[in-house]
Amino acid sequence: TTLYSGAKDISQCTDTVCGGNLTSMTGVITSP
């Protein structure tokens, strides 16, 4: 999706995929 209205290019489309099952000893979680 885009962060704002009025996007001019496909490069402005950002990924919204997030979440999952984490089982490693260490890791990082971030907002999309």
PDB file of all heavy atoms in Angstrom:
ATOM      1  N   THR A   1       0.854  -1.178   0.000  1.00  0.00           N
ATOM      2  CA  THR A   1       0.000   0.000   0.000  1.00  0.00           C
ATOM      3  C   THR A   1       0.894   1.234   0.000  1.00  0.00           C
ATOM      4  O   THR A   1       2.116   1.128   0.040  1.00  0.00           O
ATOM      5  CB  THR A   1      -0.929   0.010   1.228  1.00  0.00           C
ATOM      6  OG1 THR A   1      -1.862   1.092   1.103  1.00  0.00           O
ATOM      7  CG2 THR A   1      -0.146   0.186   2.517  1.00  0.00           C
ATOM      8  N   THR A   2       0.288   2.416  -0.053  1.00  0.00           N
ATOM      9  CA  THR A   2       1.050   3.658   0.000  1.00  0.00           C
ATOM     10  C   THR A   2       0.808   4.336   1.337  1.00  0.00           C
ATOM     11  O   THR A   2      -0.227   4.136   1.964  1.00  0.00           O
ATOM     12  CB  THR A   2       0.645   4.612  -1.139  1.00  0.00           C
ATOM     13  OG1 THR A   2      -0.758   4.878  -1.057  1.00  0.00           O
ATOM     14  CG2 THR A   2       0.946   3.994  -2.489  1.00  0.00           C
ATOM     15  N   LEU A   3       1.755   5.155   1.756  1.00  0.00           N
ATOM     16  CA  LEU A   3       1.609   5.849   3.030  1.00  0.00           C
ATOM     17  C   LEU A   3       0.623   6.999   2.923  1.00  0.00           C
ATOM     18  O   LEU A   3      -0.076   7.328   3.876  1.00  0.00           O
ATOM     19  CB  LEU A   3       2.967   6.383   3.495  1.00  0.00           C
ATOM     20  CG  LEU A   3       4.048   5.334   3.749  1.00  0.00           C
ATOM     21  CD1 LEU A   3       5.349   6.012   4.153  1.00  0.00           C
ATOM     22  CD2 LEU A   3       3.607   4.366   4.835  1.00  0.00           C
ATOM     23  N   TYR A   4       0.570   7.614   1.754  1.00  0.00           N
ATOM     24  CA  TYR A   4      -0.293   8.773   1.555  1.00  0.00           C
ATOM     25  C   TYR A   4      -1.093   8.600   0.267  1.00  0.00           C
ATOM     26  O   TYR A   4      -0.799   7.729  -0.554  1.00  0.00           O
ATOM     27  CB  TYR A   4       0.542  10.057   1.448  1.00  0.00           C
ATOM     28  CG  TYR A   4       1.528  10.261   2.570  1.00  0.00           C
ATOM     29  CD1 TYR A   4       2.856   9.865   2.443  1.00  0.00           C
ATOM     30  CD2 TYR A   4       1.132  10.858   3.759  1.00  0.00           C
ATOM     31  CE1 TYR A   4       3.769  10.063   3.473  1.00  0.00           C
ATOM     32  CE2 TYR A   4       2.031  11.051   4.797  1.00  0.00           C
ATOM     33  CZ  TYR A   4       3.344  10.659   4.643  1.00  0.00           C
ATOM     34  OH  TYR A   4       4.238  10.849   5.666  1.00  0.00           O
ATOM     35  N   SER A   5      -2.074   9.460   0.072  1.00  0.00           N
ATOM     36  CA  SER A   5      -2.767   9.513  -1.209  1.00  0.00           C
ATOM     37  C   SER A   5      -1.905  10.315  -2.184  1.00  0.00           C
ATOM     38  O   SER A   5      -0.982  11.029  -1.790  1.00  0.00           O
ATOM     39  CB  SER A   5      -4.139  10.183  -1.041  1.00  0.00           C
ATOM     40  OG  SER A   5      -3.981  11.528  -0.598  1.00  0.00           O
ATOM     41  N   GLY A   6      -2.201  10.181  -3.471  1.00  0.00           N
ATOM     42  CA  GLY A   6      -1.461  10.945  -4.465  1.00  0.00           C
ATOM     43  C   GLY A   6      -0.130  10.355  -4.871  1.00  0.00           C
ATOM     44  O   GLY A   6       0.760  11.080  -5.313  1.00  0.00           O
ATOM     45  N   ALA A   7       0.042   9.035  -4.741  1.00  0.00           N
ATOM     46  CA  ALA A   7       1.308   8.392  -5.119  1.00  0.00           C
ATOM     47  C   ALA A   7       1.502   8.448  -6.634  1.00  0.00           C
ATOM     48  O   ALA A   7       0.561   8.254  -7.400  1.00  0.00           O
ATOM     49  CB  ALA A   7       1.338   6.954  -4.635  1.00  0.00           C
ATOM     50  N   LYS A   8       2.741   8.700  -7.061  1.00  0.00           N
ATOM     51  CA  LYS A   8       3.039   8.869  -8.475  1.00  0.00           C
ATOM     52  C   LYS A   8       3.740   7.661  -9.105  1.00  0.00           C
ATOM     53  O   LYS A   8       3.840   7.582 -10.326  1.00  0.00           O
ATOM     54  CB  LYS A   8       3.930  10.099  -8.667  1.00  0.00           C
ATOM     55  CG  LYS A   8       3.312  11.386  -8.167  1.00  0.00           C
ATOM     56  CD  LYS A   8       4.291  12.549  -8.307  1.00  0.00           C
ATOM     57  CE  LYS A   8       3.701  13.831  -7.750  1.00  0.00           C
ATOM     58  NZ  LYS A   8       4.664  14.974  -7.843  1.00  0.00           N
ATOM     59  N   ASP A   9       4.253   6.756  -8.269  1.00  0.00           N
ATOM     60  CA  ASP A   9       5.051   5.668  -8.832  1.00  0.00           C
ATOM     61  C   ASP A   9       4.895   4.417  -7.987  1.00  0.00           C
ATOM     62  O   ASP A   9       4.632   4.496  -6.778  1.00  0.00           O
ATOM     63  CB  ASP A   9       6.527   6.080  -8.893  1.00  0.00           C
ATOM     64  CG  ASP A   9       7.357   5.096  -9.695  1.00  0.00           C
ATOM     65  OD1 ASP A   9       7.327   5.151 -10.925  1.00  0.00           O
ATOM     66  OD2 ASP A   9       8.021   4.241  -9.067  1.00  0.00           O
ATOM     67  N   ILE A  10       5.080   3.263  -8.609  1.00  0.00           N
ATOM     68  CA  ILE A  10       4.948   1.986  -7.902  1.00  0.00           C
ATOM     69  C   ILE A  10       5.976   1.855  -6.786  1.00  0.00           C
ATOM     70  O   ILE A  10       5.765   1.125  -5.815  1.00  0.00           O
ATOM     71  CB  ILE A  10       5.075   0.808  -8.904  1.00  0.00           C
ATOM     72  CG1 ILE A  10       4.668  -0.510  -8.229  1.00  0.00           C
ATOM     73  CG2 ILE A  10       6.490   0.739  -9.476  1.00  0.00           C
ATOM     74  CD1 ILE A  10       4.600  -1.669  -9.193  1.00  0.00           C
ATOM     75  N   SER A  11       7.085   2.584  -6.889  1.00  0.00           N
ATOM     76  CA  SER A  11       8.115   2.531  -5.853  1.00  0.00           C
ATOM     77  C   SER A  11       7.609   3.083  -4.521  1.00  0.00           C
ATOM     78  O   SER A  11       8.212   2.836  -3.479  1.00  0.00           O
ATOM     79  CB  SER A  11       9.353   3.314  -6.299  1.00  0.00           C
ATOM     80  OG  SER A  11       9.052   4.690  -6.473  1.00  0.00           O
ATOM     81  N   GLN A  12       6.514   3.838  -4.541  1.00  0.00           N
ATOM     82  CA  GLN A  12       5.935   4.382  -3.323  1.00  0.00           C
ATOM     83  C   GLN A  12       5.028   3.383  -2.605  1.00  0.00           C
ATOM     84  O   GLN A  12       4.533   3.661  -1.517  1.00  0.00           O
ATOM     85  CB  GLN A  12       5.143   5.663  -3.636  1.00  0.00           C
ATOM     86  CG  GLN A  12       6.007   6.817  -4.089  1.00  0.00           C
ATOM     87  CD  GLN A  12       5.196   8.045  -4.458  1.00  0.00           C
ATOM     88  OE1 GLN A  12       4.888   8.283  -5.614  1.00  0.00           O
ATOM     89  NE2 GLN A  12       4.829   8.841  -3.455  1.00  0.00           N
ATOM     90  N   CYS A  13       4.835   2.214  -3.205  1.00  0.00           N
ATOM     91  CA  CYS A  13       4.049   1.151  -2.565  1.00  0.00           C
ATOM     92  C   CYS A  13       4.952   0.432  -1.559  1.00  0.00           C
ATOM     93  O   CYS A  13       6.025  -0.048  -1.916  1.00  0.00           O
ATOM     94  CB  CYS A  13       3.538   0.156  -3.605  1.00  0.00           C
ATOM     95  SG  CYS A  13       2.361   0.861  -4.789  1.00  0.00           S
ATOM     96  N   THR A  14       4.536   0.370  -0.306  1.00  0.00           N
ATOM     97  CA  THR A  14       5.332  -0.261   0.744  1.00  0.00           C
ATOM     98  C   THR A  14       4.708  -1.578   1.187  1.00  0.00           C
ATOM     99  O   THR A  14       3.495  -1.765   1.120  1.00  0.00           O
ATOM    100  CB  THR A  14       5.457   0.664   1.960  1.00  0.00           C
ATOM    101  OG1 THR A  14       4.149   0.934   2.485  1.00  0.00           O
ATOM    102  CG2 THR A  14       6.101   1.982   1.579  1.00  0.00           C
ATOM    103  N   ASP A  15       5.557  -2.469   1.662  1.00  0.00           N
ATOM    104  CA  ASP A  15       5.108  -3.797   2.074  1.00  0.00           C
ATOM    105  C   ASP A  15       4.387  -3.736   3.407  1.00  0.00           C
ATOM    106  O   ASP A  15       4.797  -3.039   4.324  1.00  0.00           O
ATOM    107  CB  ASP A  15       6.320  -4.728   2.191  1.00  0.00           C
ATOM    108  CG  ASP A  15       5.947  -6.185   1.958  1.00  0.00           C
ATOM    109  OD1 ASP A  15       4.768  -6.524   2.161  1.00  0.00           O
ATOM    110  OD2 ASP A  15       6.825  -6.966   1.575  1.00  0.00           O
ATOM    111  N   THR A  16       3.299  -4.475   3.531  1.00  0.00           N
ATOM    112  CA  THR A  16       2.552  -4.529   4.784  1.00  0.00           C
ATOM    113  C   THR A  16       2.632  -5.905   5.441  1.00  0.00           C
ATOM    114  O   THR A  16       2.005  -6.141   6.460  1.00  0.00           O
ATOM    115  CB  THR A  16       1.068  -4.195   4.551  1.00  0.00           C
ATOM    116  OG1 THR A  16       0.499  -5.152   3.632  1.00  0.00           O
ATOM    117  CG2 THR A  16       0.905  -2.806   3.972  1.00  0.00           C
ATOM    118  N   VAL A  17       3.420  -6.801   4.843  1.00  0.00           N
ATOM    119  CA  VAL A  17       3.555  -8.144   5.417  1.00  0.00           C
ATOM    120  C   VAL A  17       4.309  -8.057   6.739  1.00  0.00           C
ATOM    121  O   VAL A  17       5.359  -7.420   6.834  1.00  0.00           O
ATOM    122  CB  VAL A  17       4.295  -9.081   4.445  1.00  0.00           C
ATOM    123  CG1 VAL A  17       4.542 -10.431   5.088  1.00  0.00           C
ATOM    124  CG2 VAL A  17       3.493  -9.246   3.173  1.00  0.00           C
ATOM    125  N   CYS A  18       3.793  -8.675   7.778  1.00  0.00           N
ATOM    126  CA  CYS A  18       4.445  -8.644   9.087  1.00  0.00           C
ATOM    127  C   CYS A  18       3.918  -9.802   9.928  1.00  0.00           C
ATOM    128  O   CYS A  18       2.967 -10.471   9.553  1.00  0.00           O
ATOM    129  CB  CYS A  18       4.170  -7.302   9.795  1.00  0.00           C
ATOM    130  SG  CYS A  18       2.409  -6.921   9.980  1.00  0.00           S
ATOM    131  N   GLY A  19       4.557 -10.008  11.072  1.00  0.00           N
ATOM    132  CA  GLY A  19       4.122 -11.068  11.974  1.00  0.00           C
ATOM    133  C   GLY A  19       4.783 -12.403  11.675  1.00  0.00           C
ATOM    134  O   GLY A  19       5.603 -12.541  10.764  1.00  0.00           O
ATOM    135  N   GLY A  20       4.457 -13.416  12.489  1.00  0.00           N
ATOM    136  CA  GLY A  20       4.990 -14.758  12.298  1.00  0.00           C
ATOM    137  C   GLY A  20       5.361 -15.415  13.616  1.00  0.00           C
ATOM    138  O   GLY A  20       5.246 -14.820  14.694  1.00  0.00           O
ATOM    139  N   ASN A  21       5.784 -16.655  13.542  1.00  0.00           N
ATOM    140  CA  ASN A  21       6.227 -17.414  14.715  1.00  0.00           C
ATOM    141  C   ASN A  21       7.749 -17.368  14.795  1.00  0.00           C
ATOM    142  O   ASN A  21       8.447 -17.717  13.831  1.00  0.00           O
ATOM    143  CB  ASN A  21       5.748 -18.862  14.618  1.00  0.00           C
ATOM    144  CG  ASN A  21       4.236 -18.968  14.669  1.00  0.00           C
ATOM    145  OD1 ASN A  21       3.581 -18.257  15.423  1.00  0.00           O
ATOM    146  ND2 ASN A  21       3.671 -19.853  13.852  1.00  0.00           N
ATOM    147  N   LEU A  22       8.278 -16.935  15.933  1.00  0.00           N
ATOM    148  CA  LEU A  22       9.715 -16.765  16.116  1.00  0.00           C
ATOM    149  C   LEU A  22      10.225 -17.741  17.168  1.00  0.00           C
ATOM    150  O   LEU A  22       9.735 -17.749  18.295  1.00  0.00           O
ATOM    151  CB  LEU A  22      10.021 -15.328  16.536  1.00  0.00           C
ATOM    152  CG  LEU A  22       9.428 -14.235  15.634  1.00  0.00           C
ATOM    153  CD1 LEU A  22       9.686 -12.854  16.218  1.00  0.00           C
ATOM    154  CD2 LEU A  22       9.980 -14.335  14.222  1.00  0.00           C
ATOM    155  N   THR A  23      11.200 -18.548  16.803  1.00  0.00           N
ATOM    156  CA  THR A  23      11.728 -19.561  17.722  1.00  0.00           C
ATOM    157  C   THR A  23      13.239 -19.476  17.895  1.00  0.00           C
ATOM    158  O   THR A  23      13.820 -20.297  18.589  1.00  0.00           O
ATOM    159  CB  THR A  23      11.359 -20.970  17.215  1.00  0.00           C
ATOM    160  OG1 THR A  23      11.885 -21.152  15.893  1.00  0.00           O
ATOM    161  CG2 THR A  23       9.858 -21.173  17.173  1.00  0.00           C
ATOM    162  N   SER A  24      13.884 -18.500  17.286  1.00  0.00           N
ATOM    163  CA  SER A  24      15.341 -18.390  17.381  1.00  0.00           C
ATOM    164  C   SER A  24      15.759 -17.848  18.753  1.00  0.00           C
ATOM    165  O   SER A  24      14.953 -17.276  19.485  1.00  0.00           O
ATOM    166  CB  SER A  24      15.885 -17.475  16.275  1.00  0.00           C
ATOM    167  OG  SER A  24      15.310 -16.189  16.372  1.00  0.00           O
ATOM    168  N   MET A  25      17.033 -17.998  19.091  1.00  0.00           N
ATOM    169  CA  MET A  25      17.550 -17.558  20.393  1.00  0.00           C
ATOM    170  C   MET A  25      17.544 -16.040  20.530  1.00  0.00           C
ATOM    171  O   MET A  25      17.395 -15.505  21.617  1.00  0.00           O
ATOM    172  CB  MET A  25      18.972 -18.087  20.583  1.00  0.00           C
ATOM    173  CG  MET A  25      19.074 -19.599  20.530  1.00  0.00           C
ATOM    174  SD  MET A  25      18.564 -20.388  22.065  1.00  0.00           S
ATOM    175  CE  MET A  25      20.037 -20.195  23.037  1.00  0.00           C
ATOM    176  N   THR A  26      17.722 -15.350  19.413  1.00  0.00           N
ATOM    177  CA  THR A  26      17.675 -13.888  19.400  1.00  0.00           C
ATOM    178  C   THR A  26      16.913 -13.447  18.153  1.00  0.00           C
ATOM    179  O   THR A  26      16.783 -14.208  17.187  1.00  0.00           O
ATOM    180  CB  THR A  26      19.075 -13.267  19.369  1.00  0.00           C
ATOM    181  OG1 THR A  26      19.737 -13.664  18.156  1.00  0.00           O
ATOM    182  CG2 THR A  26      19.898 -13.714  20.558  1.00  0.00           C
ATOM    183  N   GLY A  27      16.424 -12.219  18.154  1.00  0.00           N
ATOM    184  CA  GLY A  27      15.697 -11.744  16.984  1.00  0.00           C
ATOM    185  C   GLY A  27      15.315 -10.285  17.100  1.00  0.00           C
ATOM    186  O   GLY A  27      15.575  -9.627  18.102  1.00  0.00           O
ATOM    187  N   VAL A  28      14.683  -9.791  16.040  1.00  0.00           N
ATOM    188  CA  VAL A  28      14.256  -8.394  15.970  1.00  0.00           C
ATOM    189  C   VAL A  28      12.850  -8.341  15.393  1.00  0.00           C
ATOM    190  O   VAL A  28      12.526  -9.076  14.455  1.00  0.00           O
ATOM    191  CB  VAL A  28      15.208  -7.558  15.085  1.00  0.00           C
ATOM    192  CG1 VAL A  28      14.700  -6.127  14.952  1.00  0.00           C
ATOM    193  CG2 VAL A  28      16.620  -7.565  15.654  1.00  0.00           C
ATOM    194  N   ILE A  29      12.017  -7.480  15.957  1.00  0.00           N
ATOM    195  CA  ILE A  29      10.665  -7.234  15.463  1.00  0.00           C
ATOM    196  C   ILE A  29      10.568  -5.752  15.113  1.00  0.00           C
ATOM    197  O   ILE A  29      10.957  -4.904  15.905  1.00  0.00           O
ATOM    198  CB  ILE A  29       9.606  -7.573  16.534  1.00  0.00           C
ATOM    199  CG1 ILE A  29       9.620  -9.075  16.847  1.00  0.00           C
ATOM    200  CG2 ILE A  29       8.223  -7.141  16.086  1.00  0.00           C
ATOM    201  CD1 ILE A  29       8.721  -9.434  18.022  1.00  0.00           C
ATOM    202  N   THR A  30      10.033  -5.447  13.941  1.00  0.00           N
ATOM    203  CA  THR A  30       9.865  -4.049  13.561  1.00  0.00           C
ATOM    204  C   THR A  30       8.464  -3.812  12.989  1.00  0.00           C
ATOM    205  O   THR A  30       7.838  -4.731  12.457  1.00  0.00           O
ATOM    206  CB  THR A  30      10.885  -3.613  12.490  1.00  0.00           C
ATOM    207  OG1 THR A  30      10.639  -4.328  11.277  1.00  0.00           O
ATOM    208  CG2 THR A  30      12.299  -3.863  12.955  1.00  0.00           C
ATOM    209  N   SER A  31       8.010  -2.579  13.100  1.00  0.00           N
ATOM    210  CA  SER A  31       6.778  -2.195  12.424  1.00  0.00           C
ATOM    211  C   SER A  31       7.052  -2.175  10.924  1.00  0.00           C
ATOM    212  O   SER A  31       8.186  -1.926  10.504  1.00  0.00           O
ATOM    213  CB  SER A  31       6.302  -0.820  12.908  1.00  0.00           C
ATOM    214  OG  SER A  31       7.347   0.134  12.818  1.00  0.00           O
ATOM    215  N   PRO A  32       6.056  -2.462  10.086  1.00  0.00           N
ATOM    216  CA  PRO A  32       6.278  -2.464   8.638  1.00  0.00           C
ATOM    217  C   PRO A  32       6.862  -1.141   8.136  1.00  0.00           C
ATOM    218  O   PRO A  32       6.478  -0.069   8.582  1.00  0.00           O
ATOM    219  CB  PRO A  32       4.867  -2.692   8.075  1.00  0.00           C
ATOM    220  CG  PRO A  32       4.142  -3.406   9.157  1.00  0.00           C
ATOM    221  CD  PRO A  32       4.674  -2.830  10.436  1.00  0.00           C
TER     222      PRO A  32
END
